[in-house]
Amino acid sequence: MANKKIEKRIRLKAKIRAKIRGTKDRPRLSVFRSNNFIYAQMIDDENRKTLVSASDVKKDKGSKADRAKLVGQEIAKASLDKKIKKCIFDRNGFKYTGRIKALADAAREAGLDF
């Protein structure tokens, strides 16, 4: 069953990535969720560079959803420091619920526009 879930997510990811592309002015906010951690990156697909990244690997406090909110705030703060206000959200094939939604909402509240 786990393999089917992973294959489905990879198919969805390919569909999503065919439609969106990050630029220097409006990078792609890519989110990856593992069983234990959540990661976020601002990616410029034209130059193939990661502009900003954040994760909860070194954060031990709180639930997974709380840590996802912290990562959302952290990625937004780092992006705004680099004068990136607008981005394109890439959920990477994950459903837009739980930790993915918590990260996105926290990033929006902190000032990112997507």
C-alpha atoms as a PDB file:
ATOM      1  CA  MET A   1       0.000   0.000   0.000  1.00  0.00           C
ATOM      2  CA  ALA A   2       2.791   2.434   0.830  1.00  0.00           C
ATOM      3  CA  ASN A   3       4.302   2.055  -2.630  1.00  0.00           C
ATOM      4  CA  LYS A   4       0.983   2.898  -4.284  1.00  0.00           C
ATOM      5  CA  LYS A   5       0.692   6.018  -2.135  1.00  0.00           C
ATOM      6  CA  ILE A   6       4.201   7.122  -3.063  1.00  0.00           C
ATOM      7  CA  GLU A   7       3.594   6.405  -6.760  1.00  0.00           C
ATOM      8  CA  LYS A   8       0.365   8.423  -6.676  1.00  0.00           C
ATOM      9  CA  ARG A   9       2.148  11.365  -5.017  1.00  0.00           C
ATOM     10  CA  ILE A  10       4.911  11.253  -7.615  1.00  0.00           C
ATOM     11  CA  ARG A  11       2.333  11.274 -10.446  1.00  0.00           C
ATOM     12  CA  LEU A  12       0.559  14.248  -8.850  1.00  0.00           C
ATOM     13  CA  LYS A  13       3.901  16.005  -8.354  1.00  0.00           C
ATOM     14  CA  ALA A  14       4.708  15.631 -12.058  1.00  0.00           C
ATOM     15  CA  LYS A  15       1.317  17.085 -13.030  1.00  0.00           C
ATOM     16  CA  ILE A  16       1.779  20.044 -10.708  1.00  0.00           C
ATOM     17  CA  ARG A  17       5.363  20.729 -11.831  1.00  0.00           C
ATOM     18  CA  ALA A  18       4.311  20.709 -15.490  1.00  0.00           C
ATOM     19  CA  LYS A  19       2.092  23.710 -14.781  1.00  0.00           C
ATOM     20  CA  ILE A  20       4.201  25.838 -12.425  1.00  0.00           C
ATOM     21  CA  ARG A  21       7.658  27.334 -12.802  1.00  0.00           C
ATOM     22  CA  GLY A  22       9.519  29.605 -10.406  1.00  0.00           C
ATOM     23  CA  THR A  23      11.353  32.711 -11.564  1.00  0.00           C
ATOM     24  CA  LYS A  24      13.705  35.106  -9.829  1.00  0.00           C
ATOM     25  CA  ASP A  25      10.864  37.617  -9.321  1.00  0.00           C
ATOM     26  CA  ARG A  26       8.369  34.948  -8.251  1.00  0.00           C
ATOM     27  CA  PRO A  27      10.149  31.793  -7.024  1.00  0.00           C
ATOM     28  CA  ARG A  28       8.512  28.464  -6.286  1.00  0.00           C
ATOM     29  CA  LEU A  29       7.885  27.664  -2.599  1.00  0.00           C
ATOM     30  CA  SER A  30       8.421  23.897  -2.571  1.00  0.00           C
ATOM     31  CA  VAL A  31       7.337  21.926   0.502  1.00  0.00           C
ATOM     32  CA  PHE A  32       8.416  18.389   1.388  1.00  0.00           C
ATOM     33  CA  ARG A  33       6.921  16.451   4.269  1.00  0.00           C
ATOM     34  CA  SER A  34       8.518  13.324   5.685  1.00  0.00           C
ATOM     35  CA  ASN A  35       7.137  11.268   8.550  1.00  0.00           C
ATOM     36  CA  ASN A  36       9.223  13.221  11.046  1.00  0.00           C
ATOM     37  CA  PHE A  37      10.119  16.588   9.526  1.00  0.00           C
ATOM     38  CA  ILE A  38       8.955  19.263   7.095  1.00  0.00           C
ATOM     39  CA  TYR A  39      11.156  21.227   4.707  1.00  0.00           C
ATOM     40  CA  ALA A  40      10.512  24.351   2.609  1.00  0.00           C
ATOM     41  CA  GLN A  41      12.598  25.953  -0.157  1.00  0.00           C
ATOM     42  CA  MET A  42      12.286  28.998  -2.383  1.00  0.00           C
ATOM     43  CA  ILE A  43      13.536  27.864  -5.787  1.00  0.00           C
ATOM     44  CA  ASP A  44      14.398  29.871  -8.907  1.00  0.00           C
ATOM     45  CA  ASP A  45      13.821  27.319 -11.684  1.00  0.00           C
ATOM     46  CA  GLU A  46      15.281  29.546 -14.425  1.00  0.00           C
ATOM     47  CA  ASN A  47      18.733  29.636 -12.820  1.00  0.00           C
ATOM     48  CA  ARG A  48      18.278  26.331 -10.944  1.00  0.00           C
ATOM     49  CA  LYS A  49      19.104  27.845  -7.553  1.00  0.00           C
ATOM     50  CA  THR A  50      17.663  27.552  -4.075  1.00  0.00           C
ATOM     51  CA  LEU A  51      17.233  31.102  -2.804  1.00  0.00           C
ATOM     52  CA  VAL A  52      16.028  30.380   0.750  1.00  0.00           C
ATOM     53  CA  SER A  53      15.409  27.209   2.750  1.00  0.00           C
ATOM     54  CA  ALA A  54      14.023  26.246   6.151  1.00  0.00           C
ATOM     55  CA  SER A  55      13.245  23.042   8.023  1.00  0.00           C
ATOM     56  CA  ASP A  56      12.257  21.800  11.454  1.00  0.00           C
ATOM     57  CA  VAL A  57      15.099  19.291  11.820  1.00  0.00           C
ATOM     58  CA  LYS A  58      16.691  21.158  14.743  1.00  0.00           C
ATOM     59  CA  LYS A  59      13.389  22.153  16.378  1.00  0.00           C
ATOM     60  CA  ASP A  60      12.220  19.735  19.065  1.00  0.00           C
ATOM     61  CA  LYS A  61       9.451  21.732  20.721  1.00  0.00           C
ATOM     62  CA  GLY A  62       5.764  21.211  20.016  1.00  0.00           C
ATOM     63  CA  SER A  63       3.704  19.042  17.740  1.00  0.00           C
ATOM     64  CA  LYS A  64       4.441  18.471  14.063  1.00  0.00           C
ATOM     65  CA  ALA A  65       1.793  21.050  13.109  1.00  0.00           C
ATOM     66  CA  ASP A  66       3.335  23.635  15.450  1.00  0.00           C
ATOM     67  CA  ARG A  67       6.765  22.995  13.947  1.00  0.00           C
ATOM     68  CA  ALA A  68       5.283  23.355  10.440  1.00  0.00           C
ATOM     69  CA  LYS A  69       3.957  26.792  11.437  1.00  0.00           C
ATOM     70  CA  LEU A  70       7.434  27.759  12.664  1.00  0.00           C
ATOM     71  CA  VAL A  71       8.950  26.663   9.341  1.00  0.00           C
ATOM     72  CA  GLY A  72       6.340  28.733   7.474  1.00  0.00           C
ATOM     73  CA  GLN A  73       7.188  31.801   9.529  1.00  0.00           C
ATOM     74  CA  GLU A  74      10.918  31.181   9.127  1.00  0.00           C
ATOM     75  CA  ILE A  75      10.770  30.796   5.327  1.00  0.00           C
ATOM     76  CA  ALA A  76       8.634  33.928   5.047  1.00  0.00           C
ATOM     77  CA  LYS A  77      11.005  35.975   7.209  1.00  0.00           C
ATOM     78  CA  ALA A  78      14.067  34.804   5.272  1.00  0.00           C
ATOM     79  CA  SER A  79      12.318  35.510   1.949  1.00  0.00           C
ATOM     80  CA  LEU A  80      11.255  38.980   2.992  1.00  0.00           C
ATOM     81  CA  ASP A  81      14.851  39.678   4.082  1.00  0.00           C
ATOM     82  CA  LYS A  82      15.909  38.857   0.502  1.00  0.00           C
ATOM     83  CA  LYS A  83      13.112  41.120  -0.809  1.00  0.00           C
ATOM     84  CA  ILE A  84      10.989  38.220  -2.100  1.00  0.00           C
ATOM     85  CA  LYS A  85       7.341  38.983  -1.419  1.00  0.00           C
ATOM     86  CA  LYS A  86       5.513  36.921  -4.077  1.00  0.00           C
ATOM     87  CA  CYS A  87       5.926  33.220  -4.779  1.00  0.00           C
ATOM     88  CA  ILE A  88       4.200  30.195  -6.284  1.00  0.00           C
ATOM     89  CA  PHE A  89       3.196  27.448  -3.834  1.00  0.00           C
ATOM     90  CA  ASP A  90       4.254  23.907  -4.748  1.00  0.00           C
ATOM     91  CA  ARG A  91       2.702  21.320  -2.453  1.00  0.00           C
ATOM     92  CA  ASN A  92       4.773  18.585  -4.140  1.00  0.00           C
ATOM     93  CA  GLY A  93       1.847  16.169  -4.564  1.00  0.00           C
ATOM     94  CA  PHE A  94       0.879  16.230  -0.891  1.00  0.00           C
ATOM     95  CA  LYS A  95      -2.729  16.942   0.061  1.00  0.00           C
ATOM     96  CA  TYR A  96      -3.363  20.534   1.170  1.00  0.00           C
ATOM     97  CA  THR A  97      -4.293  19.624   4.747  1.00  0.00           C
ATOM     98  CA  GLY A  98      -2.560  19.307   8.076  1.00  0.00           C
ATOM     99  CA  ARG A  99       1.090  20.316   8.138  1.00  0.00           C
ATOM    100  CA  ILE A 100       1.161  21.532   4.525  1.00  0.00           C
ATOM    101  CA  LYS A 101      -1.769  23.874   5.173  1.00  0.00           C
ATOM    102  CA  ALA A 102      -0.290  25.013   8.508  1.00  0.00           C
ATOM    103  CA  LEU A 103       2.998  25.933   6.808  1.00  0.00           C
ATOM    104  CA  ALA A 104       1.221  27.787   3.981  1.00  0.00           C
ATOM    105  CA  ASP A 105      -1.066  29.718   6.351  1.00  0.00           C
ATOM    106  CA  ALA A 106       1.861  30.727   8.581  1.00  0.00           C
ATOM    107  CA  ALA A 107       3.863  31.913   5.556  1.00  0.00           C
ATOM    108  CA  ARG A 108       0.894  33.981   4.342  1.00  0.00           C
ATOM    109  CA  GLU A 109       0.387  35.536   7.788  1.00  0.00           C
ATOM    110  CA  ALA A 110       4.078  36.420   7.939  1.00  0.00           C
ATOM    111  CA  GLY A 111       3.837  38.395   4.706  1.00  0.00           C
ATOM    112  CA  LEU A 112       4.304  36.101   1.700  1.00  0.00           C
ATOM    113  CA  ASP A 113       1.830  36.453  -1.154  1.00  0.00           C
ATOM    114  CA  PHE A 114       0.698  33.345  -3.053  1.00  0.00           C
END
